[in-house]
Amino acid sequence: MSSPSNYLPPEHPDRRRLHDEIHARPVGQAPQPVVVFCLAVLNDHVSREEELAHLAKLNASVDTAGTTGNFARVRVAGGDIKWERHTEFTRYTMVLPLDASNTAGRSPVVWLAQVRAVQEPFAQWFSQAPGQTIAAIEVTVLQSTEDVLAQGTEVGQAWFGESTLLISKLGTQGHSLVLTDFRVQNDGIERLLVLTPSHTSAARVGRTAHRLIEMEIYRLMALKGLPVAKSLGVQLAEAENSLATIAREVESSTSQDPELLHNLASLAATIERANADHNYRFSATAAYHDIVLQRIKELRETPAPGIQTVGEFIERRLGPAMATVAATAKRLDSLSERVSRVSDLLRTRVNIMTEQQNQQLLEKLTRGQALQLKLQQTVEGLSIAAISYYVVSLIYYLAKAGKTSGWLPFSPDLVAGVAIAPTVFVVWQIVRRIHRKISHD
């Protein structure tokens, strides 16, 4: 068979990376009985290299320097540990099979002792992981008979003590039972117990543990938006009051526009800064919440009689918090839009006032031009008189010179008097012609 390169166009540079993303974080198998422990730490200010260096402490033969991507698996004594780096957090998942010999009649106390024993060698390594703990979840999967599945409450009380239990049957056929009290114990770890029939495959056990762990991690990551929403509530209330005050002043005709513009610009900057600071957190909260709901859906829970399911408990407790975050995000966006509308109103008012001032200025200029025209016409009349005077004076001096020389028989005064009317007429015609030429140009 021909290779694909012989009959396919050139590959996009990211094709292989995008295709292999579906295999980037394999769930893995967990043969029962098994304990799956997951530590999730916030990786803000923690580099990928620091995490890989910490991972290398588990097994000196592992070359983490050659690790590409954000996933790695390290074999340890008795099991393995997976490293997965996400955008905001990194999780270390340890899968340790338990002793499956002579499980019949083994009490929860014995199982608990074995769970602690197999995890003890890794306690110090987990405690030194770089970052801050956001979740520490232990899922123990044990084999069980049908009778024990039917008596899950008794097993849960022996495992968790007197805490209020939540129990869910998993799968459409109720193939497994998950029990938890959703409490962080004195050692900082949250624990879940899964009881499965002996014929349950390792792949199903792995998927079940993976979904339960992710459900809890993403629940906690989603709740990171709640303190932000609560702290932002006071700031938003103050901003809404300030905006209402500005809106009333915009409506008033006695307010000073420059001061209003300054206050509105300051308020808009405050809101946009809050939007820029918290928009990512609110978007991430919505995304994490969607993942939680998806993982609950994948469990395909059915209730045990008279007992609340795990998914129902999470949805009832998580729903109000997510509604608070969503309402705060919507309130912030709405406030930004309202500021924009008030800004438009104020800008329109300023433009109208500017146009009125421009109109008044044009009226003043028109009146000034009219006065200037009248003044110009007056000056033009005086100019005609002055020019005519000088012309007549020249004619008078010329007649006087002619009288003195004897070639002019008339009196110079008579000649000057007779020349006045024609001179004024000629000068007026010349001025009119000049005006018409200027107007034509």
Protein backbone atom coordinates (compact mmCIF):
# COMPACT_ATOMS: atom_id res chain seq x y z
CA MET A 1 0.00 0.00 0.00
CA SER A 2 1.22 3.48 -0.81
CA SER A 3 2.19 5.72 2.05
CA PRO A 4 -0.20 8.64 2.77
CA SER A 5 2.44 11.15 1.66
CA ASN A 6 2.13 9.78 -1.88
CA TYR A 7 -1.48 10.78 -2.37
CA LEU A 8 -2.26 13.44 0.28
CA PRO A 9 -1.51 17.18 0.04
CA PRO A 10 1.21 18.54 2.34
CA GLU A 11 0.28 18.25 6.01
CA HIS A 12 -0.57 21.25 8.15
CA PRO A 13 2.28 21.79 10.67
CA ASP A 14 -0.07 21.22 13.62
CA ARG A 15 -1.98 18.23 12.22
CA ARG A 16 -0.14 15.53 14.18
CA ARG A 17 -0.14 17.52 17.42
CA LEU A 18 -3.88 18.22 17.12
CA HIS A 19 -4.63 14.60 16.27
CA ASP A 20 -2.55 13.21 19.14
CA GLU A 21 -4.27 15.53 21.63
CA ILE A 22 -6.96 12.86 22.00
CA HIS A 23 -4.28 10.54 23.45
CA ALA A 24 -2.53 13.24 25.50
CA ARG A 25 -3.97 12.19 28.87
CA PRO A 26 -4.92 8.52 28.84
CA VAL A 27 -7.14 7.41 31.71
CA GLY A 28 -5.27 4.18 32.30
CA GLN A 29 -6.37 0.97 33.94
CA ALA A 30 -6.68 0.23 37.62
CA PRO A 31 -7.08 -3.47 38.50
CA GLN A 32 -9.06 -3.84 41.68
CA PRO A 33 -8.60 -3.69 44.58
CA VAL A 34 -6.70 -0.45 44.18
CA VAL A 35 -6.19 2.93 45.76
CA VAL A 36 -5.98 5.97 43.48
CA PHE A 37 -4.62 9.10 45.12
CA CYS A 38 -4.62 12.46 43.31
CA LEU A 39 -2.95 15.67 44.44
CA ALA A 40 -3.90 18.82 42.54
CA VAL A 41 -1.75 21.91 43.09
CA LEU A 42 -2.06 25.39 41.66
CA ASN A 43 0.89 25.93 39.32
CA ASP A 44 0.90 29.73 39.33
CA HIS A 45 4.56 30.87 39.42
CA VAL A 46 5.67 27.22 39.17
CA SER A 47 7.52 26.28 36.00
CA ARG A 48 7.17 23.06 34.08
CA GLU A 49 10.87 22.38 34.68
CA GLU A 50 10.42 22.57 38.47
CA GLU A 51 7.62 20.00 38.31
CA LEU A 52 9.62 17.66 36.10
CA ALA A 53 12.60 17.95 38.45
CA HIS A 54 10.33 16.97 41.33
CA LEU A 55 8.96 14.09 39.28
CA ALA A 56 12.48 12.82 38.62
CA LYS A 57 12.99 12.26 42.36
CA LEU A 58 10.63 9.28 42.16
CA ASN A 59 12.83 7.20 39.90
CA ALA A 60 16.43 7.98 39.07
CA SER A 61 16.26 5.94 35.87
CA VAL A 62 13.54 8.15 34.37
CA ASP A 63 14.78 10.83 31.95
CA THR A 64 12.30 13.68 32.51
CA ALA A 65 14.52 16.03 30.49
CA GLY A 66 13.31 14.32 27.34
CA THR A 67 9.66 14.63 28.31
CA THR A 68 7.60 16.57 25.79
CA GLY A 69 4.11 17.89 26.32
CA ASN A 70 2.38 18.14 29.66
CA PHE A 71 1.92 14.47 30.52
CA ALA A 72 4.30 11.88 31.93
CA ARG A 73 4.04 8.54 33.70
CA VAL A 74 6.65 7.24 36.16
CA ARG A 75 6.81 3.67 37.41
CA VAL A 76 7.21 3.33 41.16
CA ALA A 77 7.35 0.38 43.52
CA GLY A 78 3.99 -1.30 43.32
CA GLY A 79 2.33 1.08 40.86
CA ASP A 80 2.80 4.26 38.90
CA ILE A 81 2.38 8.05 39.20
CA LYS A 82 1.06 10.28 36.41
CA TRP A 83 1.97 13.94 36.03
CA GLU A 84 -0.48 16.20 34.18
CA ARG A 85 0.00 19.94 33.83
CA HIS A 86 -3.07 22.03 33.05
CA THR A 87 -3.52 25.77 32.56
CA GLU A 88 -4.05 26.65 36.23
CA PHE A 89 -3.21 23.49 38.11
CA THR A 90 -1.07 20.39 37.98
CA ARG A 91 -2.16 17.01 39.22
CA TYR A 92 -0.16 14.02 40.36
CA THR A 93 -2.16 10.78 40.28
CA MET A 94 -0.82 7.69 42.01
CA VAL A 95 -2.29 4.25 41.26
CA LEU A 96 -1.31 1.54 43.78
CA PRO A 97 -2.88 -1.93 43.61
CA LEU A 98 -3.80 -3.47 46.95
CA ASP A 99 -3.23 -7.02 48.13
CA ALA A 100 -6.01 -9.06 46.52
CA SER A 101 -5.29 -12.31 48.39
CA ASN A 102 -7.67 -13.46 51.11
CA THR A 103 -10.10 -10.59 50.63
CA ALA A 104 -13.08 -12.57 51.83
CA GLY A 105 -14.31 -11.24 55.13
CA ARG A 106 -11.58 -8.61 55.36
CA SER A 107 -12.92 -5.75 57.48
CA PRO A 108 -12.82 -2.05 56.46
CA VAL A 109 -10.32 -1.44 59.26
CA VAL A 110 -7.89 -3.91 57.70
CA TRP A 111 -8.39 -2.38 54.27
CA LEU A 112 -7.80 1.13 55.67
CA ALA A 113 -4.58 -0.03 57.30
CA GLN A 114 -3.35 -1.45 53.99
CA VAL A 115 -4.30 1.73 52.11
CA ARG A 116 -2.27 3.80 54.57
CA ALA A 117 0.65 1.37 54.40
CA VAL A 118 1.00 1.40 50.60
CA GLN A 119 0.84 5.21 50.46
CA GLU A 120 3.16 5.96 53.34
CA PRO A 121 6.44 5.69 51.33
CA PHE A 122 5.25 8.51 49.03
CA ALA A 123 3.93 10.89 51.69
CA GLN A 124 7.09 12.99 51.88
CA TRP A 125 7.39 13.24 48.09
CA PHE A 126 3.83 14.50 47.77
CA SER A 127 4.32 17.00 50.61
CA GLN A 128 7.27 18.57 48.73
CA ALA A 129 5.41 19.03 45.42
CA PRO A 130 5.80 22.62 44.14
CA GLY A 131 2.63 24.72 44.27
CA GLN A 132 -0.34 25.10 46.61
CA THR A 133 -2.80 22.28 47.27
CA ILE A 134 -6.26 22.82 45.81
CA ALA A 135 -7.45 19.20 46.06
CA ALA A 136 -6.26 15.93 47.59
CA ILE A 137 -8.54 13.02 46.75
CA GLU A 138 -8.25 9.36 47.59
CA VAL A 139 -10.44 6.84 45.76
CA THR A 140 -10.30 3.29 47.08
CA VAL A 141 -11.86 0.61 44.87
CA LEU A 142 -12.67 -2.71 46.54
CA GLN A 143 -14.22 -5.92 45.29
CA SER A 144 -17.58 -6.71 46.73
CA THR A 145 -20.29 -9.33 46.55
CA GLU A 146 -23.86 -8.57 45.61
CA ASP A 147 -24.83 -8.74 49.28
CA VAL A 148 -22.28 -6.10 50.25
CA LEU A 149 -23.45 -3.90 47.37
CA ALA A 150 -26.93 -4.14 48.80
CA GLN A 151 -25.58 -3.22 52.24
CA GLY A 152 -23.50 -0.26 51.13
CA THR A 153 -24.66 1.93 54.02
CA GLU A 154 -23.16 -0.41 56.62
CA VAL A 155 -19.87 -0.61 54.75
CA GLY A 156 -19.80 3.19 54.38
CA GLN A 157 -20.38 3.75 58.09
CA ALA A 158 -17.58 1.36 58.93
CA TRP A 159 -15.31 3.17 56.45
CA PHE A 160 -16.25 6.82 57.12
CA GLY A 161 -17.54 6.68 60.67
CA GLU A 162 -20.71 8.50 61.70
CA SER A 163 -20.60 11.12 58.93
CA THR A 164 -23.63 11.63 56.72
CA LEU A 165 -23.09 9.43 53.69
CA LEU A 166 -23.87 10.01 50.05
CA ILE A 167 -24.30 6.87 47.97
CA SER A 168 -24.77 6.42 44.25
CA LYS A 169 -25.16 3.38 42.06
CA LEU A 170 -23.05 3.83 38.95
CA GLY A 171 -23.93 2.81 35.42
CA THR A 172 -27.27 1.98 33.89
CA GLN A 173 -27.19 -1.43 35.56
CA GLY A 174 -25.86 -0.13 38.89
CA HIS A 175 -22.65 -2.10 38.43
CA SER A 176 -20.77 -0.27 41.22
CA LEU A 177 -21.43 1.71 44.35
CA VAL A 178 -19.66 4.95 45.32
CA LEU A 179 -19.76 6.22 48.90
CA THR A 180 -18.39 9.44 50.35
CA ASP A 181 -19.05 12.05 53.01
CA PHE A 182 -17.45 14.92 51.03
CA ARG A 183 -15.35 15.95 54.04
CA VAL A 184 -11.69 16.84 54.23
CA GLN A 185 -10.22 14.65 56.94
CA ASN A 186 -7.67 15.68 59.55
CA ASP A 187 -4.83 14.76 57.18
CA GLY A 188 -6.23 17.12 54.51
CA ILE A 189 -7.46 14.34 52.22
CA GLU A 190 -10.96 13.79 50.87
CA ARG A 191 -11.89 10.14 50.51
CA LEU A 192 -14.28 8.15 48.33
CA LEU A 193 -14.97 4.43 48.44
CA VAL A 194 -16.06 2.45 45.37
CA LEU A 195 -17.43 -1.08 45.69
CA THR A 196 -17.45 -3.12 42.50
CA PRO A 197 -18.23 -6.76 41.60
CA SER A 198 -15.26 -9.04 41.08
CA HIS A 199 -15.82 -9.23 37.32
CA THR A 200 -15.44 -5.43 36.83
CA SER A 201 -12.71 -4.74 34.28
CA ALA A 202 -9.60 -2.72 35.10
CA ALA A 203 -10.54 -0.22 32.37
CA ARG A 204 -13.94 0.45 33.96
CA VAL A 205 -12.35 0.85 37.38
CA GLY A 206 -9.86 3.33 35.92
CA ARG A 207 -12.59 5.34 34.20
CA THR A 208 -14.72 5.45 37.33
CA ALA A 209 -11.87 6.66 39.54
CA HIS A 210 -10.83 9.19 36.89
CA ARG A 211 -14.34 10.67 36.63
CA LEU A 212 -14.75 10.94 40.39
CA ILE A 213 -11.38 12.63 40.80
CA GLU A 214 -11.97 15.08 37.96
CA MET A 215 -15.46 15.85 39.26
CA GLU A 216 -13.99 16.98 42.58
CA ILE A 217 -10.98 18.85 41.17
CA TYR A 218 -13.05 20.83 38.71
CA ARG A 219 -15.70 21.49 41.37
CA LEU A 220 -13.07 23.14 43.54
CA MET A 221 -11.57 25.01 40.59
CA ALA A 222 -15.05 26.28 39.66
CA LEU A 223 -15.56 27.53 43.21
CA LYS A 224 -12.45 29.73 42.93
CA GLY A 225 -14.70 32.29 41.25
CA LEU A 226 -17.05 32.56 44.28
CA PRO A 227 -14.76 34.60 46.61
CA VAL A 228 -13.97 36.89 43.67
CA ALA A 229 -17.66 37.40 42.96
CA LYS A 230 -18.42 38.15 46.62
CA SER A 231 -15.57 40.65 46.99
CA LEU A 232 -16.56 42.33 43.74
CA GLY A 233 -20.16 42.77 44.89
CA VAL A 234 -19.33 45.73 47.17
CA GLN A 235 -17.32 47.45 44.42
CA LEU A 236 -20.13 46.95 41.92
CA ALA A 237 -22.71 48.37 44.35
CA GLU A 238 -20.60 51.51 44.82
CA ALA A 239 -20.14 51.83 41.06
CA GLU A 240 -23.88 51.47 40.44
CA ASN A 241 -24.63 54.21 42.98
CA SER A 242 -22.04 56.49 41.39
CA LEU A 243 -23.49 55.83 37.94
CA ALA A 244 -27.02 56.61 39.17
CA THR A 245 -25.77 59.92 40.61
CA ILE A 246 -24.04 60.83 37.35
CA ALA A 247 -27.17 59.92 35.37
CA ARG A 248 -29.28 62.24 37.53
CA GLU A 249 -26.76 65.05 37.07
CA VAL A 250 -26.76 64.49 33.31
CA GLU A 251 -30.52 64.94 33.39
CA SER A 252 -30.11 68.18 35.35
CA SER A 253 -29.43 71.32 33.30
CA THR A 254 -27.41 72.95 36.09
CA SER A 255 -24.60 70.40 36.22
CA GLN A 256 -21.11 71.09 34.96
CA ASP A 257 -20.26 68.91 31.97
CA PRO A 258 -16.44 68.86 32.39
CA GLU A 259 -16.80 67.59 35.95
CA LEU A 260 -19.35 64.98 34.87
CA LEU A 261 -17.08 63.82 32.08
CA HIS A 262 -14.20 63.45 34.52
CA ASN A 263 -16.30 61.45 37.00
CA LEU A 264 -17.74 59.25 34.27
CA ALA A 265 -14.32 58.56 32.77
CA SER A 266 -12.98 57.60 36.20
CA LEU A 267 -15.94 55.26 36.77
CA ALA A 268 -15.53 53.68 33.33
CA ALA A 269 -11.83 53.06 34.02
CA THR A 270 -12.67 51.38 37.34
CA ILE A 271 -15.22 49.07 35.73
CA GLU A 272 -12.96 48.17 32.81
CA ARG A 273 -10.12 47.40 35.20
CA ALA A 274 -12.42 45.10 37.21
CA ASN A 275 -13.55 43.48 33.97
CA ALA A 276 -9.97 42.92 32.85
CA ASP A 277 -8.93 41.55 36.26
CA HIS A 278 -11.83 39.11 36.72
CA ASN A 279 -13.18 38.24 33.28
CA TYR A 280 -10.83 35.26 32.95
CA ARG A 281 -11.82 33.89 36.36
CA PHE A 282 -15.53 34.12 35.59
CA SER A 283 -15.05 32.47 32.18
CA ALA A 284 -12.92 29.72 33.74
CA THR A 285 -15.56 29.14 36.42
CA ALA A 286 -18.22 28.59 33.77
CA ALA A 287 -15.94 26.19 31.87
CA TYR A 288 -15.03 24.20 35.01
CA HIS A 289 -18.70 24.00 36.00
CA ASP A 290 -19.56 22.54 32.59
CA ILE A 291 -16.88 19.87 33.08
CA VAL A 292 -18.27 18.97 36.52
CA LEU A 293 -21.76 18.52 35.07
CA GLN A 294 -20.33 16.44 32.25
CA ARG A 295 -18.47 14.14 34.66
CA ILE A 296 -21.62 13.70 36.76
CA LYS A 297 -23.54 12.81 33.63
CA GLU A 298 -20.88 10.24 32.67
CA LEU A 299 -21.31 8.46 36.03
CA ARG A 300 -24.92 7.62 35.04
CA GLU A 301 -26.04 7.54 38.67
CA THR A 302 -29.10 5.84 40.05
CA PRO A 303 -30.15 6.56 43.63
CA ALA A 304 -30.05 4.20 46.54
CA PRO A 305 -33.39 4.19 48.39
CA GLY A 306 -33.70 7.15 50.73
CA ILE A 307 -30.15 8.43 50.16
CA GLN A 308 -29.07 11.46 48.14
CA THR A 309 -26.78 10.72 45.21
CA VAL A 310 -23.32 12.23 44.82
CA GLY A 311 -24.28 14.15 41.68
CA GLU A 312 -27.50 15.51 43.18
CA PHE A 313 -25.61 16.70 46.26
CA ILE A 314 -22.97 18.48 44.17
CA GLU A 315 -25.48 20.10 41.85
CA ARG A 316 -27.62 21.37 44.74
CA ARG A 317 -24.63 22.79 46.62
CA LEU A 318 -22.65 23.99 43.61
CA GLY A 319 -25.60 25.52 41.73
CA PRO A 320 -26.14 28.59 43.97
CA ALA A 321 -22.43 29.39 43.96
CA MET A 322 -22.26 29.18 40.17
CA ALA A 323 -25.41 31.31 39.91
CA THR A 324 -23.74 33.94 42.11
CA VAL A 325 -20.65 34.00 39.90
CA ALA A 326 -22.73 34.14 36.71
CA ALA A 327 -24.90 36.92 38.12
CA THR A 328 -21.82 38.93 39.13
CA ALA A 329 -20.27 38.51 35.68
CA LYS A 330 -23.54 39.58 34.05
CA ARG A 331 -23.83 42.50 36.47
CA LEU A 332 -20.33 43.65 35.57
CA ASP A 333 -21.08 43.47 31.83
CA SER A 334 -24.40 45.27 32.34
CA LEU A 335 -22.72 48.02 34.34
CA SER A 336 -20.15 48.50 31.59
CA GLU A 337 -22.94 48.83 29.02
CA ARG A 338 -24.84 51.30 31.20
CA VAL A 339 -21.74 53.45 31.62
CA SER A 340 -21.37 53.43 27.86
CA ARG A 341 -24.99 54.55 27.40
CA VAL A 342 -24.67 57.36 29.97
CA SER A 343 -21.43 58.38 28.28
CA ASP A 344 -23.25 58.56 24.96
CA LEU A 345 -26.00 60.69 26.51
CA LEU A 346 -23.50 63.06 28.06
CA ARG A 347 -21.54 63.23 24.81
CA THR A 348 -24.75 64.03 22.92
CA ARG A 349 -25.56 66.78 25.41
CA VAL A 350 -22.08 68.25 25.07
CA ASN A 351 -22.36 68.12 21.27
CA ILE A 352 -25.73 69.88 21.35
CA MET A 353 -24.38 72.60 23.60
CA THR A 354 -21.34 72.94 21.36
CA GLU A 355 -23.57 73.29 18.31
CA GLN A 356 -25.64 75.95 20.08
CA GLN A 357 -22.48 77.85 20.96
CA ASN A 358 -21.28 77.54 17.37
CA GLN A 359 -24.63 78.84 16.13
CA GLN A 360 -24.44 81.82 18.46
CA LEU A 361 -20.90 82.46 17.30
CA LEU A 362 -22.01 82.33 13.66
CA GLU A 363 -24.81 84.79 14.40
CA LYS A 364 -22.33 87.16 16.00
CA LEU A 365 -20.02 86.77 13.01
CA THR A 366 -22.93 87.48 10.64
CA ARG A 367 -23.84 90.62 12.54
CA GLY A 368 -20.23 91.67 12.56
CA GLN A 369 -19.94 91.13 8.83
CA ALA A 370 -23.08 93.22 8.28
CA LEU A 371 -21.66 96.02 10.37
CA GLN A 372 -18.37 95.67 8.57
CA LEU A 373 -20.18 95.92 5.22
CA LYS A 374 -21.99 99.08 6.31
CA LEU A 375 -18.75 100.53 7.59
CA GLN A 376 -17.07 99.57 4.34
CA GLN A 377 -19.83 101.29 2.31
CA THR A 378 -19.42 104.38 4.46
CA VAL A 379 -15.67 104.32 3.99
CA GLU A 380 -16.16 103.84 0.25
CA GLY A 381 -18.30 107.04 0.09
CA LEU A 382 -15.65 108.93 1.96
CA SER A 383 -13.02 107.46 -0.34
CA ILE A 384 -14.89 108.70 -3.45
CA ALA A 385 -15.13 112.16 -1.89
CA ALA A 386 -11.46 112.18 -0.95
CA ILE A 387 -10.31 110.98 -4.38
CA SER A 388 -12.59 113.51 -6.09
CA TYR A 389 -11.22 116.25 -3.86
CA TYR A 390 -7.66 115.48 -4.81
CA VAL A 391 -8.53 115.26 -8.52
CA VAL A 392 -10.40 118.60 -8.42
CA SER A 393 -7.46 120.12 -6.53
CA LEU A 394 -5.14 118.99 -9.30
CA ILE A 395 -7.49 120.49 -11.91
CA TYR A 396 -7.60 123.76 -9.93
CA TYR A 397 -3.79 123.97 -9.77
CA LEU A 398 -3.58 123.16 -13.44
CA ALA A 399 -6.14 125.94 -14.31
CA LYS A 400 -4.33 128.34 -12.05
CA ALA A 401 -1.08 127.66 -13.86
CA GLY A 402 -2.83 128.16 -17.22
CA LYS A 403 -4.33 131.49 -16.08
CA THR A 404 -0.95 132.72 -14.94
CA SER A 405 0.70 131.74 -18.21
CA GLY A 406 -2.07 133.48 -20.17
CA TRP A 407 -3.36 130.55 -22.24
CA LEU A 408 -6.49 129.96 -20.05
CA PRO A 409 -9.03 132.82 -20.34
CA PHE A 410 -11.25 131.49 -17.44
CA SER A 411 -10.91 131.86 -13.73
CA PRO A 412 -9.29 128.83 -11.99
CA ASP A 413 -12.10 128.80 -9.42
CA LEU A 414 -14.68 128.54 -12.18
CA VAL A 415 -12.80 125.67 -13.80
CA ALA A 416 -12.51 123.84 -10.45
CA GLY A 417 -16.20 124.31 -9.68
CA VAL A 418 -17.29 123.07 -13.11
CA ALA A 419 -15.01 119.97 -12.77
CA ILE A 420 -16.42 118.76 -9.44
CA ALA A 421 -19.52 116.97 -10.76
CA PRO A 422 -17.82 115.15 -13.66
CA THR A 423 -14.90 114.14 -11.42
CA VAL A 424 -17.14 112.63 -8.72
CA PHE A 425 -19.11 110.73 -11.39
CA VAL A 426 -15.99 109.31 -13.03
CA VAL A 427 -14.45 108.26 -9.69
CA TRP A 428 -17.74 106.58 -8.65
CA GLN A 429 -17.85 104.60 -11.93
CA ILE A 430 -14.29 103.45 -11.50
CA VAL A 431 -14.94 102.25 -7.92
CA ARG A 432 -18.10 100.37 -9.05
CA ARG A 433 -16.16 98.64 -11.81
CA ILE A 434 -13.50 97.55 -9.33
CA HIS A 435 -16.20 96.16 -7.01
CA ARG A 436 -17.89 94.22 -9.79
CA LYS A 437 -14.60 92.69 -10.84
CA ILE A 438 -13.79 91.62 -7.27
CA SER A 439 -17.27 90.11 -6.81
CA HIS A 440 -17.02 88.30 -10.14
CA ASP A 441 -13.66 86.77 -9.19
